Amino acid sequence: MLSSTCKYGIRAVIFIAAKPEQNTHTGLREVSEKLKIPQPYLAKILQILTKKKILHSSKGPHGGFILMVPASDLTLMDIIDAIDGRDFFDSCYITGEKCNFDEPDRGVCILHNDLRKEKVRLEKFFSSKSIEACAAQLKKYPSIRL
């Protein structure tokens, strides 16, 4: 469903948002070590999120990453959009073409009608989960591992 890249991106953003020092940058090495994500791979993911203006990065001894968007306004869907795009939600699994959610299938895709409701439900779910809420859960239950 979601790519590994996207899952790592979500984990990294939640980790950054959950830091007690909200206005300080979180270093690449710290995120990589805590989440056990290879540093070069994570750097590329965080670069994508920086280009999409979800994160801000700065170099230097006190550099790292910080959220550009308030965690309360940032959703899981924003991260998914930035990394994977909407193909999972908008494309037919059989033909690869964009699904038309406003009209019944007309028999073009054998999965369309069955999956349409589930795709819409998942999109609403990801859109309703803020990074702030995810970070709060992480803080509330420290045993949760990202």
C-alpha atoms as a PDB file:
ATOM      1  CA  MET A   1       0.000   0.000   0.000  1.00  0.00           C
ATOM      2  CA  LEU A   2       2.459   2.673   1.124  1.00  0.00           C
ATOM      3  CA  SER A   3       6.053   2.485  -0.018  1.00  0.00           C
ATOM      4  CA  SER A   4       8.841   1.900   2.483  1.00  0.00           C
ATOM      5  CA  THR A   5      10.081   5.383   1.633  1.00  0.00           C
ATOM      6  CA  CYS A   6       6.733   6.851   2.626  1.00  0.00           C
ATOM      7  CA  LYS A   7       6.569   4.839   5.855  1.00  0.00           C
ATOM      8  CA  TYR A   8      10.058   6.035   6.789  1.00  0.00           C
ATOM      9  CA  GLY A   9       9.044   9.610   5.982  1.00  0.00           C
ATOM     10  CA  ILE A  10       5.987   9.374   8.224  1.00  0.00           C
ATOM     11  CA  ARG A  11       8.056   7.905  11.046  1.00  0.00           C
ATOM     12  CA  ALA A  12      10.711  10.619  10.714  1.00  0.00           C
ATOM     13  CA  VAL A  13       8.192  13.474  10.702  1.00  0.00           C
ATOM     14  CA  ILE A  14       6.396  12.079  13.765  1.00  0.00           C
ATOM     15  CA  PHE A  15       9.760  11.666  15.518  1.00  0.00           C
ATOM     16  CA  ILE A  16      10.723  15.277  14.758  1.00  0.00           C
ATOM     17  CA  ALA A  17       7.288  16.529  15.873  1.00  0.00           C
ATOM     18  CA  ALA A  18       7.476  14.552  19.131  1.00  0.00           C
ATOM     19  CA  LYS A  19      10.750  16.145  20.236  1.00  0.00           C
ATOM     20  CA  PRO A  20      10.302  18.097  23.484  1.00  0.00           C
ATOM     21  CA  GLU A  21      12.304  21.041  22.104  1.00  0.00           C
ATOM     22  CA  GLN A  22       9.838  22.094  19.409  1.00  0.00           C
ATOM     23  CA  ASN A  23      11.894  24.993  18.075  1.00  0.00           C
ATOM     24  CA  THR A  24      15.224  23.221  17.741  1.00  0.00           C
ATOM     25  CA  HIS A  25      16.493  21.316  14.761  1.00  0.00           C
ATOM     26  CA  THR A  26      16.781  17.542  14.881  1.00  0.00           C
ATOM     27  CA  GLY A  27      19.916  16.141  13.284  1.00  0.00           C
ATOM     28  CA  LEU A  28      19.896  13.564  10.529  1.00  0.00           C
ATOM     29  CA  ARG A  29      22.149  11.253  12.516  1.00  0.00           C
ATOM     30  CA  GLU A  30      19.811  11.301  15.532  1.00  0.00           C
ATOM     31  CA  VAL A  31      16.756  10.444  13.438  1.00  0.00           C
ATOM     32  CA  SER A  32      18.666   7.752  11.574  1.00  0.00           C
ATOM     33  CA  GLU A  33      19.990   6.127  14.737  1.00  0.00           C
ATOM     34  CA  LYS A  34      16.757   6.293  16.745  1.00  0.00           C
ATOM     35  CA  LEU A  35      14.571   5.001  13.915  1.00  0.00           C
ATOM     36  CA  LYS A  36      17.174   2.590  12.524  1.00  0.00           C
ATOM     37  CA  ILE A  37      16.889   3.975   8.993  1.00  0.00           C
ATOM     38  CA  PRO A  38      20.067   4.060   6.877  1.00  0.00           C
ATOM     39  CA  GLN A  39      21.351   7.636   6.940  1.00  0.00           C
ATOM     40  CA  PRO A  40      21.851   8.099   3.148  1.00  0.00           C
ATOM     41  CA  TYR A  41      18.335   6.776   2.461  1.00  0.00           C
ATOM     42  CA  LEU A  42      16.822   8.951   5.190  1.00  0.00           C
ATOM     43  CA  ALA A  43      18.672  12.007   3.866  1.00  0.00           C
ATOM     44  CA  LYS A  44      16.963  11.566   0.484  1.00  0.00           C
ATOM     45  CA  ILE A  45      13.550  11.188   2.124  1.00  0.00           C
ATOM     46  CA  LEU A  46      14.005  14.280   4.272  1.00  0.00           C
ATOM     47  CA  GLN A  47      15.249  16.176   1.218  1.00  0.00           C
ATOM     48  CA  ILE A  48      11.950  15.348  -0.541  1.00  0.00           C
ATOM     49  CA  LEU A  49       9.992  16.613   2.469  1.00  0.00           C
ATOM     50  CA  THR A  50      12.116  19.754   2.526  1.00  0.00           C
ATOM     51  CA  LYS A  51      11.467  20.431  -1.164  1.00  0.00           C
ATOM     52  CA  LYS A  52       7.726  19.958  -0.511  1.00  0.00           C
ATOM     53  CA  LYS A  53       7.990  22.565   2.282  1.00  0.00           C
ATOM     54  CA  ILE A  54       6.977  20.155   5.034  1.00  0.00           C
ATOM     55  CA  LEU A  55      10.398  20.347   6.689  1.00  0.00           C
ATOM     56  CA  HIS A  56      13.051  23.032   6.849  1.00  0.00           C
ATOM     57  CA  SER A  57      16.680  22.009   6.874  1.00  0.00           C
ATOM     58  CA  SER A  58      19.737  23.895   7.964  1.00  0.00           C
ATOM     59  CA  LYS A  59      23.398  22.974   7.846  1.00  0.00           C
ATOM     60  CA  GLY A  60      26.065  23.357  10.449  1.00  0.00           C
ATOM     61  CA  PRO A  61      26.778  22.135  13.965  1.00  0.00           C
ATOM     62  CA  HIS A  62      23.301  23.082  15.208  1.00  0.00           C
ATOM     63  CA  GLY A  63      21.594  22.193  11.939  1.00  0.00           C
ATOM     64  CA  GLY A  64      19.105  19.534  11.104  1.00  0.00           C
ATOM     65  CA  PHE A  65      15.398  19.433  10.404  1.00  0.00           C
ATOM     66  CA  ILE A  66      12.381  21.197  11.831  1.00  0.00           C
ATOM     67  CA  LEU A  67       8.723  21.236  10.792  1.00  0.00           C
ATOM     68  CA  MET A  68       7.768  24.103   8.490  1.00  0.00           C
ATOM     69  CA  VAL A  69       4.070  23.388   8.939  1.00  0.00           C
ATOM     70  CA  PRO A  70       2.581  23.278  12.442  1.00  0.00           C
ATOM     71  CA  ALA A  71       2.109  19.642  13.482  1.00  0.00           C
ATOM     72  CA  SER A  72      -1.569  20.387  14.134  1.00  0.00           C
ATOM     73  CA  ASP A  73      -2.036  21.364  10.467  1.00  0.00           C
ATOM     74  CA  LEU A  74       0.048  18.552   9.001  1.00  0.00           C
ATOM     75  CA  THR A  75      -1.627  15.208   8.296  1.00  0.00           C
ATOM     76  CA  LEU A  76      -0.438  11.763   7.371  1.00  0.00           C
ATOM     77  CA  MET A  77      -1.997  12.406   3.952  1.00  0.00           C
ATOM     78  CA  ASP A  78       0.293  15.410   3.468  1.00  0.00           C
ATOM     79  CA  ILE A  79       3.315  13.136   3.920  1.00  0.00           C
ATOM     80  CA  ILE A  80       1.832  10.482   1.637  1.00  0.00           C
ATOM     81  CA  ASP A  81       1.120  13.127  -1.020  1.00  0.00           C
ATOM     82  CA  ALA A  82       4.670  14.463  -0.790  1.00  0.00           C
ATOM     83  CA  ILE A  83       6.391  11.095  -1.098  1.00  0.00           C
ATOM     84  CA  ASP A  84       4.108   8.595  -2.857  1.00  0.00           C
ATOM     85  CA  GLY A  85       1.519  10.859  -4.413  1.00  0.00           C
ATOM     86  CA  ARG A  86      -2.117   9.881  -4.806  1.00  0.00           C
ATOM     87  CA  ASP A  87      -1.711   7.001  -7.246  1.00  0.00           C
ATOM     88  CA  PHE A  88      -2.712   4.460  -4.613  1.00  0.00           C
ATOM     89  CA  PHE A  89      -5.978   6.314  -4.034  1.00  0.00           C
ATOM     90  CA  ASP A  90      -6.709   7.466  -7.579  1.00  0.00           C
ATOM     91  CA  SER A  91      -5.496   4.694  -9.877  1.00  0.00           C
ATOM     92  CA  CYS A  92      -7.102   1.451 -10.910  1.00  0.00           C
ATOM     93  CA  TYR A  93      -5.143  -1.564  -9.693  1.00  0.00           C
ATOM     94  CA  ILE A  94      -5.833  -3.478 -12.897  1.00  0.00           C
ATOM     95  CA  THR A  95      -5.452  -0.943 -15.709  1.00  0.00           C
ATOM     96  CA  GLY A  96      -3.341   1.687 -13.933  1.00  0.00           C
ATOM     97  CA  GLU A  97      -5.645   4.416 -15.244  1.00  0.00           C
ATOM     98  CA  LYS A  98      -7.181   7.085 -13.031  1.00  0.00           C
ATOM     99  CA  CYS A  99     -10.416   5.900 -11.432  1.00  0.00           C
ATOM    100  CA  ASN A 100     -13.586   7.915 -11.830  1.00  0.00           C
ATOM    101  CA  PHE A 101     -15.166   7.985  -8.377  1.00  0.00           C
ATOM    102  CA  ASP A 102     -18.217   9.941  -9.556  1.00  0.00           C
ATOM    103  CA  GLU A 103     -19.556   7.294 -11.936  1.00  0.00           C
ATOM    104  CA  PRO A 104     -20.102   3.579 -11.566  1.00  0.00           C
ATOM    105  CA  ASP A 105     -17.475   1.382 -13.164  1.00  0.00           C
ATOM    106  CA  ARG A 106     -19.395   0.239 -16.293  1.00  0.00           C
ATOM    107  CA  GLY A 107     -17.439  -3.022 -16.131  1.00  0.00           C
ATOM    108  CA  VAL A 108     -14.062  -1.534 -17.103  1.00  0.00           C
ATOM    109  CA  CYS A 109     -12.310  -2.599 -13.897  1.00  0.00           C
ATOM    110  CA  ILE A 110     -13.254  -5.720 -11.998  1.00  0.00           C
ATOM    111  CA  LEU A 111     -12.052  -4.214  -8.700  1.00  0.00           C
ATOM    112  CA  HIS A 112     -13.219  -0.614  -9.045  1.00  0.00           C
ATOM    113  CA  ASN A 113     -16.647  -0.778  -7.432  1.00  0.00           C
ATOM    114  CA  ASP A 114     -15.509  -2.997  -4.580  1.00  0.00           C
ATOM    115  CA  LEU A 115     -12.446  -0.940  -3.725  1.00  0.00           C
ATOM    116  CA  ARG A 116     -13.815   2.551  -4.327  1.00  0.00           C
ATOM    117  CA  LYS A 117     -15.368   2.848  -0.863  1.00  0.00           C
ATOM    118  CA  GLU A 118     -12.248   1.475   0.809  1.00  0.00           C
ATOM    119  CA  LYS A 119      -9.954   3.873  -1.055  1.00  0.00           C
ATOM    120  CA  VAL A 120     -12.145   6.818  -0.062  1.00  0.00           C
ATOM    121  CA  ARG A 121     -12.273   5.567   3.546  1.00  0.00           C
ATOM    122  CA  LEU A 122      -8.476   5.238   3.703  1.00  0.00           C
ATOM    123  CA  GLU A 123      -7.928   8.663   2.203  1.00  0.00           C
ATOM    124  CA  LYS A 124     -10.279  10.194   4.787  1.00  0.00           C
ATOM    125  CA  PHE A 125      -8.507   8.291   7.552  1.00  0.00           C
ATOM    126  CA  PHE A 126      -5.031   9.516   6.535  1.00  0.00           C
ATOM    127  CA  SER A 127      -6.389  13.043   6.056  1.00  0.00           C
ATOM    128  CA  SER A 128      -7.936  13.048   9.536  1.00  0.00           C
ATOM    129  CA  LYS A 129      -4.778  12.013  11.420  1.00  0.00           C
ATOM    130  CA  SER A 130      -2.615  14.993  12.297  1.00  0.00           C
ATOM    131  CA  ILE A 131       1.068  14.649  12.961  1.00  0.00           C
ATOM    132  CA  GLU A 132       0.398  16.403  16.266  1.00  0.00           C
ATOM    133  CA  ALA A 133      -2.029  13.637  17.312  1.00  0.00           C
ATOM    134  CA  CYS A 134       0.452  10.941  16.302  1.00  0.00           C
ATOM    135  CA  ALA A 135       3.264  12.660  18.201  1.00  0.00           C
ATOM    136  CA  ALA A 136       1.002  13.011  21.260  1.00  0.00           C
ATOM    137  CA  GLN A 137       0.348   9.265  21.183  1.00  0.00           C
ATOM    138  CA  LEU A 138       4.070   8.658  20.996  1.00  0.00           C
ATOM    139  CA  LYS A 139       4.665  10.892  24.018  1.00  0.00           C
ATOM    140  CA  LYS A 140       1.778   9.347  25.967  1.00  0.00           C
ATOM    141  CA  TYR A 141       2.960   5.806  25.356  1.00  0.00           C
ATOM    142  CA  PRO A 142       6.782   5.862  25.329  1.00  0.00           C
ATOM    143  CA  SER A 143       6.843   2.108  24.731  1.00  0.00           C
ATOM    144  CA  ILE A 144       5.553   2.703  21.185  1.00  0.00           C
ATOM    145  CA  ARG A 145       8.407   2.237  18.767  1.00  0.00           C
ATOM    146  CA  LEU A 146       8.466   4.102  15.503  1.00  0.00           C
END
